[in-house]
PDB file of N, CA and C in Angstrom:
ATOM      1  N   MET A   1     -47.548 -79.278 -31.911  1.00  0.00           N
ATOM      2  CA  MET A   1     -46.395 -78.946 -32.713  1.00  0.00           C
ATOM      3  C   MET A   1     -45.288 -78.465 -31.796  1.00  0.00           C
ATOM      4  N   VAL A   2     -44.067 -78.621 -32.241  1.00  0.00           N
ATOM      5  CA  VAL A   2     -42.900 -78.223 -31.458  1.00  0.00           C
ATOM      6  C   VAL A   2     -42.463 -76.829 -31.897  1.00  0.00           C
ATOM      7  N   ARG A   3     -42.197 -75.978 -30.925  1.00  0.00           N
ATOM      8  CA  ARG A   3     -41.678 -74.630 -31.186  1.00  0.00           C
ATOM      9  C   ARG A   3     -40.372 -74.470 -30.422  1.00  0.00           C
ATOM     10  N   CYS A   4     -39.470 -73.690 -30.984  1.00  0.00           N
ATOM     11  CA  CYS A   4     -38.175 -73.460 -30.367  1.00  0.00           C
ATOM     12  C   CYS A   4     -38.092 -72.060 -29.785  1.00  0.00           C
ATOM     13  N   PHE A   5     -37.399 -71.957 -28.668  1.00  0.00           N
ATOM     14  CA  PHE A   5     -37.228 -70.691 -27.974  1.00  0.00           C
ATOM     15  C   PHE A   5     -35.768 -70.534 -27.592  1.00  0.00           C
ATOM     16  N   LEU A   6     -35.304 -69.291 -27.593  1.00  0.00           N
ATOM     17  CA  LEU A   6     -33.956 -68.962 -27.147  1.00  0.00           C
ATOM     18  C   LEU A   6     -34.031 -68.521 -25.699  1.00  0.00           C
ATOM     19  N   THR A   7     -33.145 -69.043 -24.871  1.00  0.00           N
ATOM     20  CA  THR A   7     -33.056 -68.620 -23.479  1.00  0.00           C
ATOM     21  C   THR A   7     -31.610 -68.745 -23.027  1.00  0.00           C
ATOM     22  N   THR A   8     -31.367 -68.424 -21.775  1.00  0.00           N
ATOM     23  CA  THR A   8     -30.032 -68.571 -21.210  1.00  0.00           C
ATOM     24  C   THR A   8     -30.068 -69.685 -20.170  1.00  0.00           C
ATOM     25  N   PHE A   9     -28.898 -70.265 -19.918  1.00  0.00           N
ATOM     26  CA  PHE A   9     -28.829 -71.376 -18.975  1.00  0.00           C
ATOM     27  C   PHE A   9     -29.259 -70.975 -17.564  1.00  0.00           C
ATOM     28  N   ASP A  10     -29.055 -69.710 -17.191  1.00  0.00           N
ATOM     29  CA  ASP A  10     -29.354 -69.298 -15.824  1.00  0.00           C
ATOM     30  C   ASP A  10     -30.777 -68.776 -15.619  1.00  0.00           C
ATOM     31  N   ASN A  11     -31.557 -68.623 -16.683  1.00  0.00           N
ATOM     32  CA  ASN A  11     -32.909 -68.085 -16.542  1.00  0.00           C
ATOM     33  C   ASN A  11     -33.850 -69.210 -16.085  1.00  0.00           C
ATOM     34  N   PRO A  12     -34.444 -69.061 -14.894  1.00  0.00           N
ATOM     35  CA  PRO A  12     -35.290 -70.148 -14.363  1.00  0.00           C
ATOM     36  C   PRO A  12     -36.705 -70.171 -14.935  1.00  0.00           C
ATOM     37  N   TYR A  13     -37.067 -69.194 -15.761  1.00  0.00           N
ATOM     38  CA  TYR A  13     -38.432 -69.084 -16.264  1.00  0.00           C
ATOM     39  C   TYR A  13     -38.562 -69.608 -17.693  1.00  0.00           C
ATOM     40  N   SER A  14     -39.766 -70.040 -18.039  1.00  0.00           N
ATOM     41  CA  SER A  14     -40.062 -70.527 -19.379  1.00  0.00           C
ATOM     42  C   SER A  14     -40.444 -69.355 -20.276  1.00  0.00           C
ATOM     43  N   PRO A  15     -39.777 -69.200 -21.422  1.00  0.00           N
ATOM     44  CA  PRO A  15     -40.167 -68.118 -22.324  1.00  0.00           C
ATOM     45  C   PRO A  15     -41.543 -68.344 -22.942  1.00  0.00           C
ATOM     46  N   TYR A  16     -42.049 -69.545 -22.862  1.00  0.00           N
ATOM     47  CA  TYR A  16     -43.380 -69.836 -23.399  1.00  0.00           C
ATOM     48  C   TYR A  16     -44.467 -69.687 -22.334  1.00  0.00           C
ATOM     49  N   GLU A  17     -44.266 -70.302 -21.182  1.00  0.00           N
ATOM     50  CA  GLU A  17     -45.304 -70.325 -20.156  1.00  0.00           C
ATOM     51  C   GLU A  17     -45.231 -69.157 -19.173  1.00  0.00           C
ATOM     52  N   GLN A  18     -44.060 -68.560 -19.021  1.00  0.00           N
ATOM     53  CA  GLN A  18     -43.876 -67.468 -18.049  1.00  0.00           C
ATOM     54  C   GLN A  18     -43.146 -66.313 -18.729  1.00  0.00           C
ATOM     55  N   PHE A  19     -43.679 -65.856 -19.852  1.00  0.00           N
ATOM     56  CA  PHE A  19     -42.943 -64.897 -20.666  1.00  0.00           C
ATOM     57  C   PHE A  19     -42.585 -63.627 -19.917  1.00  0.00           C
ATOM     58  N   GLU A  20     -43.505 -63.032 -19.173  1.00  0.00           N
ATOM     59  CA  GLU A  20     -43.201 -61.771 -18.490  1.00  0.00           C
ATOM     60  C   GLU A  20     -42.045 -61.918 -17.512  1.00  0.00           C
ATOM     61  N   GLU A  21     -42.073 -62.981 -16.704  1.00  0.00           N
ATOM     62  CA  GLU A  21     -40.990 -63.225 -15.747  1.00  0.00           C
ATOM     63  C   GLU A  21     -39.694 -63.537 -16.483  1.00  0.00           C
ATOM     64  N   TRP A  22     -39.811 -64.374 -17.529  1.00  0.00           N
ATOM     65  CA  TRP A  22     -38.636 -64.716 -18.323  1.00  0.00           C
ATOM     66  C   TRP A  22     -38.016 -63.461 -18.930  1.00  0.00           C
ATOM     67  N   TYR A  23     -38.837 -62.608 -19.536  1.00  0.00           N
ATOM     68  CA  TYR A  23     -38.356 -61.393 -20.192  1.00  0.00           C
ATOM     69  C   TYR A  23     -37.710 -60.438 -19.185  1.00  0.00           C
ATOM     70  N   ARG A  24     -38.337 -60.283 -18.032  1.00  0.00           N
ATOM     71  CA  ARG A  24     -37.787 -59.401 -17.001  1.00  0.00           C
ATOM     72  C   ARG A  24     -36.415 -59.898 -16.547  1.00  0.00           C
ATOM     73  N   TYR A  25     -36.306 -61.201 -16.295  1.00  0.00           N
ATOM     74  CA  TYR A  25     -35.020 -61.779 -15.889  1.00  0.00           C
ATOM     75  C   TYR A  25     -33.980 -61.567 -16.983  1.00  0.00           C
ATOM     76  N   ASP A  26     -34.363 -61.834 -18.211  1.00  0.00           N
ATOM     77  CA  ASP A  26     -33.466 -61.728 -19.366  1.00  0.00           C
ATOM     78  C   ASP A  26     -32.940 -60.300 -19.533  1.00  0.00           C
ATOM     79  N   THR A  27     -33.827 -59.338 -19.473  1.00  0.00           N
ATOM     80  CA  THR A  27     -33.393 -57.946 -19.658  1.00  0.00           C
ATOM     81  C   THR A  27     -32.666 -57.415 -18.428  1.00  0.00           C
ATOM     82  N   ASP A  28     -33.095 -57.802 -17.232  1.00  0.00           N
ATOM     83  CA  ASP A  28     -32.406 -57.367 -16.010  1.00  0.00           C
ATOM     84  C   ASP A  28     -30.950 -57.833 -15.978  1.00  0.00           C
ATOM     85  N   HIS A  29     -30.678 -58.965 -16.619  1.00  0.00           N
ATOM     86  CA  HIS A  29     -29.315 -59.496 -16.657  1.00  0.00           C
ATOM     87  C   HIS A  29     -28.550 -59.061 -17.911  1.00  0.00           C
ATOM     88  N   GLY A  30     -29.169 -58.203 -18.718  1.00  0.00           N
ATOM     89  CA  GLY A  30     -28.488 -57.612 -19.865  1.00  0.00           C
ATOM     90  C   GLY A  30     -28.343 -58.506 -21.079  1.00  0.00           C
ATOM     91  N   TYR A  31     -29.109 -59.601 -21.164  1.00  0.00           N
ATOM     92  CA  TYR A  31     -28.982 -60.512 -22.298  1.00  0.00           C
ATOM     93  C   TYR A  31     -29.687 -59.993 -23.548  1.00  0.00           C
ATOM     94  N   ASN A  32     -30.896 -59.487 -23.392  1.00  0.00           N
ATOM     95  CA  ASN A  32     -31.721 -59.027 -24.510  1.00  0.00           C
ATOM     96  C   ASN A  32     -31.836 -60.098 -25.601  1.00  0.00           C
ATOM     97  N   SER A  33     -32.156 -61.299 -25.176  1.00  0.00           N
ATOM     98  CA  SER A  33     -32.275 -62.447 -26.082  1.00  0.00           C
ATOM     99  C   SER A  33     -33.312 -62.216 -27.170  1.00  0.00           C
ATOM    100  N   SER A  34     -34.431 -61.606 -26.822  1.00  0.00           N
ATOM    101  CA  SER A  34     -35.477 -61.349 -27.819  1.00  0.00           C
ATOM    102  C   SER A  34     -34.978 -60.419 -28.909  1.00  0.00           C
ATOM    103  N   GLY A  35     -34.267 -59.372 -28.529  1.00  0.00           N
ATOM    104  CA  GLY A  35     -33.724 -58.433 -29.504  1.00  0.00           C
ATOM    105  C   GLY A  35     -32.699 -59.087 -30.411  1.00  0.00           C
ATOM    106  N   LEU A  36     -31.837 -59.905 -29.815  1.00  0.00           N
ATOM    107  CA  LEU A  36     -30.835 -60.627 -30.605  1.00  0.00           C
ATOM    108  C   LEU A  36     -31.522 -61.542 -31.611  1.00  0.00           C
ATOM    109  N   LEU A  37     -32.511 -62.275 -31.161  1.00  0.00           N
ATOM    110  CA  LEU A  37     -33.232 -63.190 -32.050  1.00  0.00           C
ATOM    111  C   LEU A  37     -33.958 -62.425 -33.149  1.00  0.00           C
ATOM    112  N   MET A  38     -34.559 -61.291 -32.815  1.00  0.00           N
ATOM    113  CA  MET A  38     -35.265 -60.494 -33.823  1.00  0.00           C
ATOM    114  C   MET A  38     -34.312 -59.989 -34.902  1.00  0.00           C
ATOM    115  N   ARG A  39     -33.086 -59.637 -34.501  1.00  0.00           N
ATOM    116  CA  ARG A  39     -32.113 -59.137 -35.481  1.00  0.00           C
ATOM    117  C   ARG A  39     -31.645 -60.234 -36.437  1.00  0.00           C
ATOM    118  N   LEU A  40     -31.592 -61.474 -35.968  1.00  0.00           N
ATOM    119  CA  LEU A  40     -31.013 -62.550 -36.779  1.00  0.00           C
ATOM    120  C   LEU A  40     -32.029 -63.427 -37.511  1.00  0.00           C
ATOM    121  N   ALA A  41     -33.242 -63.512 -36.999  1.00  0.00           N
ATOM    122  CA  ALA A  41     -34.253 -64.367 -37.632  1.00  0.00           C
ATOM    123  C   ALA A  41     -34.818 -63.663 -38.862  1.00  0.00           C
ATOM    124  N   GLU A  42     -34.782 -64.347 -39.971  1.00  0.00           N
ATOM    125  CA  GLU A  42     -35.275 -63.792 -41.236  1.00  0.00           C
ATOM    126  C   GLU A  42     -36.739 -64.160 -41.419  1.00  0.00           C
ATOM    127  N   THR A  43     -37.589 -63.561 -40.581  1.00  0.00           N
ATOM    128  CA  THR A  43     -39.028 -63.825 -40.630  1.00  0.00           C
ATOM    129  C   THR A  43     -39.719 -62.790 -41.512  1.00  0.00           C
ATOM    130  N   SER A  44     -40.961 -63.087 -41.849  1.00  0.00           N
ATOM    131  CA  SER A  44     -41.717 -62.190 -42.717  1.00  0.00           C
ATOM    132  C   SER A  44     -43.208 -62.369 -42.486  1.00  0.00           C
ATOM    133  N   SER A  45     -43.944 -61.306 -42.641  1.00  0.00           N
ATOM    134  CA  SER A  45     -45.406 -61.410 -42.568  1.00  0.00           C
ATOM    135  C   SER A  45     -45.954 -62.182 -43.770  1.00  0.00           C
ATOM    136  N   GLN A  46     -45.132 -62.352 -44.788  1.00  0.00           N
ATOM    137  CA  GLN A  46     -45.528 -63.115 -45.972  1.00  0.00           C
ATOM    138  C   GLN A  46     -45.374 -64.621 -45.771  1.00  0.00           C
ATOM    139  N   PHE A  47     -44.669 -65.024 -44.718  1.00  0.00           N
ATOM    140  CA  PHE A  47     -44.432 -66.443 -44.434  1.00  0.00           C
ATOM    141  C   PHE A  47     -45.591 -67.007 -43.618  1.00  0.00           C
ATOM    142  N   THR A  48     -45.756 -68.319 -43.690  1.00  0.00           N
ATOM    143  CA  THR A  48     -46.701 -69.009 -42.810  1.00  0.00           C
ATOM    144  C   THR A  48     -46.081 -69.088 -41.416  1.00  0.00           C
ATOM    145  N   ASP A  49     -46.893 -69.446 -40.428  1.00  0.00           N
ATOM    146  CA  ASP A  49     -46.381 -69.622 -39.071  1.00  0.00           C
ATOM    147  C   ASP A  49     -45.271 -70.671 -39.037  1.00  0.00           C
ATOM    148  N   ASN A  50     -45.451 -71.751 -39.791  1.00  0.00           N
ATOM    149  CA  ASN A  50     -44.436 -72.808 -39.803  1.00  0.00           C
ATOM    150  C   ASN A  50     -43.143 -72.335 -40.459  1.00  0.00           C
ATOM    151  N   GLU A  51     -43.251 -71.546 -41.516  1.00  0.00           N
ATOM    152  CA  GLU A  51     -42.044 -71.001 -42.154  1.00  0.00           C
ATOM    153  C   GLU A  51     -41.309 -70.046 -41.213  1.00  0.00           C
ATOM    154  N   ASN A  52     -42.050 -69.208 -40.515  1.00  0.00           N
ATOM    155  CA  ASN A  52     -41.420 -68.313 -39.551  1.00  0.00           C
ATOM    156  C   ASN A  52     -40.790 -69.093 -38.399  1.00  0.00           C
ATOM    157  N   ALA A  53     -41.471 -70.136 -37.932  1.00  0.00           N
ATOM    158  CA  ALA A  53     -40.914 -70.969 -36.861  1.00  0.00           C
ATOM    159  C   ALA A  53     -39.606 -71.613 -37.308  1.00  0.00           C
ATOM    160  N   TYR A  54     -39.537 -72.039 -38.559  1.00  0.00           N
ATOM    161  CA  TYR A  54     -38.309 -72.629 -39.109  1.00  0.00           C
ATOM    162  C   TYR A  54     -37.189 -71.590 -39.134  1.00  0.00           C
ATOM    163  N   GLU A  55     -37.492 -70.369 -39.567  1.00  0.00           N
ATOM    164  CA  GLU A  55     -36.486 -69.298 -39.603  1.00  0.00           C
ATOM    165  C   GLU A  55     -36.012 -68.943 -38.197  1.00  0.00           C
ATOM    166  N   ILE A  56     -36.918 -68.936 -37.241  1.00  0.00           N
ATOM    167  CA  ILE A  56     -36.551 -68.665 -35.855  1.00  0.00           C
ATOM    168  C   ILE A  56     -35.639 -69.761 -35.328  1.00  0.00           C
ATOM    169  N   GLU A  57     -35.966 -71.011 -35.615  1.00  0.00           N
ATOM    170  CA  GLU A  57     -35.114 -72.115 -35.150  1.00  0.00           C
ATOM    171  C   GLU A  57     -33.723 -72.027 -35.773  1.00  0.00           C
ATOM    172  N   LYS A  58     -33.644 -71.686 -37.060  1.00  0.00           N
ATOM    173  CA  LYS A  58     -32.325 -71.533 -37.700  1.00  0.00           C
ATOM    174  C   LYS A  58     -31.521 -70.431 -37.018  1.00  0.00           C
ATOM    175  N   ALA A  59     -32.155 -69.316 -36.687  1.00  0.00           N
ATOM    176  CA  ALA A  59     -31.462 -68.213 -36.016  1.00  0.00           C
ATOM    177  C   ALA A  59     -30.999 -68.642 -34.620  1.00  0.00           C
ATOM    178  N   ILE A  60     -31.851 -69.359 -33.900  1.00  0.00           N
ATOM    179  CA  ILE A  60     -31.469 -69.850 -32.569  1.00  0.00           C
ATOM    180  C   ILE A  60     -30.260 -70.762 -32.680  1.00  0.00           C
ATOM    181  N   ASP A  61     -30.264 -71.655 -33.653  1.00  0.00           N
ATOM    182  CA  ASP A  61     -29.128 -72.556 -33.846  1.00  0.00           C
ATOM    183  C   ASP A  61     -27.842 -71.774 -34.123  1.00  0.00           C
ATOM    184  N   ARG A  62     -27.938 -70.702 -34.922  1.00  0.00           N
ATOM    185  CA  ARG A  62     -26.755 -69.879 -35.204  1.00  0.00           C
ATOM    186  C   ARG A  62     -26.271 -69.170 -33.947  1.00  0.00           C
ATOM    187  N   ILE A  63     -27.192 -68.660 -33.137  1.00  0.00           N
ATOM    188  CA  ILE A  63     -26.809 -67.969 -31.902  1.00  0.00           C
ATOM    189  C   ILE A  63     -26.110 -68.924 -30.949  1.00  0.00           C
ATOM    190  N   VAL A  64     -26.684 -70.093 -30.752  1.00  0.00           N
ATOM    191  CA  VAL A  64     -26.105 -71.075 -29.835  1.00  0.00           C
ATOM    192  C   VAL A  64     -24.732 -71.533 -30.329  1.00  0.00           C
ATOM    193  N   ALA A  65     -24.599 -71.761 -31.621  1.00  0.00           N
ATOM    194  CA  ALA A  65     -23.329 -72.233 -32.186  1.00  0.00           C
ATOM    195  C   ALA A  65     -22.227 -71.174 -32.084  1.00  0.00           C
ATOM    196  N   ALA A  66     -22.592 -69.896 -32.155  1.00  0.00           N
ATOM    197  CA  ALA A  66     -21.602 -68.818 -32.164  1.00  0.00           C
ATOM    198  C   ALA A  66     -21.471 -68.136 -30.801  1.00  0.00           C
ATOM    199  N   ASP A  67     -21.952 -68.756 -29.750  1.00  0.00           N
ATOM    200  CA  ASP A  67     -21.975 -68.161 -28.416  1.00  0.00           C
ATOM    201  C   ASP A  67     -20.657 -68.420 -27.682  1.00  0.00           C
ATOM    202  N   PRO A  68     -19.735 -67.449 -27.655  1.00  0.00           N
ATOM    203  CA  PRO A  68     -18.430 -67.689 -27.040  1.00  0.00           C
ATOM    204  C   PRO A  68     -18.496 -67.839 -25.518  1.00  0.00           C
ATOM    205  N   GLN A  69     -19.520 -67.282 -24.887  1.00  0.00           N
ATOM    206  CA  GLN A  69     -19.641 -67.377 -23.427  1.00  0.00           C
ATOM    207  C   GLN A  69     -20.458 -68.585 -22.980  1.00  0.00           C
ATOM    208  N   ASN A  70     -21.042 -69.292 -23.931  1.00  0.00           N
ATOM    209  CA  ASN A  70     -21.871 -70.463 -23.634  1.00  0.00           C
ATOM    210  C   ASN A  70     -23.000 -70.123 -22.646  1.00  0.00           C
ATOM    211  N   ILE A  71     -23.725 -69.034 -22.932  1.00  0.00           N
ATOM    212  CA  ILE A  71     -24.830 -68.640 -22.056  1.00  0.00           C
ATOM    213  C   ILE A  71     -26.197 -68.974 -22.643  1.00  0.00           C
ATOM    214  N   TYR A  72     -26.268 -69.164 -23.961  1.00  0.00           N
ATOM    215  CA  TYR A  72     -27.554 -69.397 -24.612  1.00  0.00           C
ATOM    216  C   TYR A  72     -27.831 -70.872 -24.818  1.00  0.00           C
ATOM    217  N   LYS A  73     -29.120 -71.210 -24.820  1.00  0.00           N
ATOM    218  CA  LYS A  73     -29.539 -72.568 -25.156  1.00  0.00           C
ATOM    219  C   LYS A  73     -30.865 -72.511 -25.891  1.00  0.00           C
ATOM    220  N   LYS A  74     -31.139 -73.574 -26.622  1.00  0.00           N
ATOM    221  CA  LYS A  74     -32.394 -73.700 -27.366  1.00  0.00           C
ATOM    222  C   LYS A  74     -33.335 -74.596 -26.585  1.00  0.00           C
ATOM    223  N   LEU A  75     -34.558 -74.113 -26.386  1.00  0.00           N
ATOM    224  CA  LEU A  75     -35.601 -74.926 -25.774  1.00  0.00           C
ATOM    225  C   LEU A  75     -36.557 -75.371 -26.861  1.00  0.00           C
ATOM    226  N   LYS A  76     -36.932 -76.635 -26.834  1.00  0.00           N
ATOM    227  CA  LYS A  76     -37.975 -77.147 -27.719  1.00  0.00           C
ATOM    228  C   LYS A  76     -39.161 -77.484 -26.835  1.00  0.00           C
ATOM    229  N   ILE A  77     -40.288 -76.832 -27.123  1.00  0.00           N
ATOM    230  CA  ILE A  77     -41.481 -77.005 -26.294  1.00  0.00           C
ATOM    231  C   ILE A  77     -42.635 -77.442 -27.185  1.00  0.00           C
ATOM    232  N   GLU A  78     -43.336 -78.460 -26.729  1.00  0.00           N
ATOM    233  CA  GLU A  78     -44.532 -78.927 -27.429  1.00  0.00           C
ATOM    234  C   GLU A  78     -45.664 -77.945 -27.152  1.00  0.00           C
ATOM    235  N   VAL A  79     -46.193 -77.360 -28.215  1.00  0.00           N
ATOM    236  CA  VAL A  79     -47.262 -76.377 -28.111  1.00  0.00           C
ATOM    237  C   VAL A  79     -48.512 -76.984 -28.713  1.00  0.00           C
ATOM    238  N   LYS A  80     -49.620 -76.939 -27.960  1.00  0.00           N
ATOM    239  CA  LYS A  80     -50.882 -77.458 -28.484  1.00  0.00           C
ATOM    240  C   LYS A  80     -51.336 -76.602 -29.654  1.00  0.00           C
ATOM    241  N   ASP A  81     -51.894 -77.220 -30.672  1.00  0.00           N
ATOM    242  CA  ASP A  81     -52.332 -76.505 -31.875  1.00  0.00           C
ATOM    243  C   ASP A  81     -53.278 -75.347 -31.561  1.00  0.00           C
ATOM    244  N   GLU A  82     -54.182 -75.524 -30.601  1.00  0.00           N
ATOM    245  CA  GLU A  82     -55.130 -74.452 -30.316  1.00  0.00           C
ATOM    246  C   GLU A  82     -54.458 -73.261 -29.624  1.00  0.00           C
ATOM    247  N   ASP A  83     -53.215 -73.434 -29.130  1.00  0.00           N
ATOM    248  CA  ASP A  83     -52.486 -72.342 -28.498  1.00  0.00           C
ATOM    249  C   ASP A  83     -51.745 -71.478 -29.514  1.00  0.00           C
ATOM    250  N   THR A  84     -51.646 -71.946 -30.749  1.00  0.00           N
ATOM    251  CA  THR A  84     -50.917 -71.201 -31.761  1.00  0.00           C
ATOM    252  C   THR A  84     -51.889 -70.431 -32.647  1.00  0.00           C
ATOM    253  N   LEU A  85     -51.398 -69.390 -33.230  1.00  0.00           N
ATOM    254  CA  LEU A  85     -52.220 -68.607 -34.149  1.00  0.00           C
ATOM    255  C   LEU A  85     -51.965 -69.091 -35.566  1.00  0.00           C
ATOM    256  N   ASP A  86     -53.005 -69.382 -36.280  1.00  0.00           N
ATOM    257  CA  ASP A  86     -52.865 -69.787 -37.677  1.00  0.00           C
ATOM    258  C   ASP A  86     -53.362 -68.637 -38.539  1.00  0.00           C
ATOM    259  N   LYS A  87     -52.439 -67.864 -39.045  1.00  0.00           N
ATOM    260  CA  LYS A  87     -52.802 -66.688 -39.814  1.00  0.00           C
ATOM    261  C   LYS A  87     -53.329 -67.043 -41.206  1.00  0.00           C
ATOM    262  N   SER A  88     -53.125 -68.285 -41.632  1.00  0.00           N
ATOM    263  CA  SER A  88     -53.593 -68.660 -42.959  1.00  0.00           C
ATOM    264  C   SER A  88     -55.069 -69.064 -42.945  1.00  0.00           C
ATOM    265  N   ALA A  89     -55.632 -69.249 -41.760  1.00  0.00           N
ATOM    266  CA  ALA A  89     -57.041 -69.687 -41.658  1.00  0.00           C
ATOM    267  C   ALA A  89     -58.001 -68.532 -41.801  1.00  0.00           C
TER     268      ALA A  89
END
C-alpha cells in the first residue's frame, strides 16, 4: 500500500526508513514538520488505518499547497502490508 509523508526538500533522510535521522534533521532546522502535520490532520482513534492515512494525505496536500517558502514536499512510499499495523484485526 502507498503511504504519504511530509518532508522538506533539503532533508536527505527518509521519514519512513530513517525516521530518527529525518526527525533530528527536521527539528534541528526548525521545521517541526511532524507537529505541523499533527495540528492539521483530522485523524482519530475511531478511524481505520486507511481512513487516517487519507486524512494525513489531505493535510499534507494542504500544507504543500499553502507553503509560501516552497520548503515542503509530499513523499509517496510503497509500504509492505506486513510493515503496517492493522488495528481492525
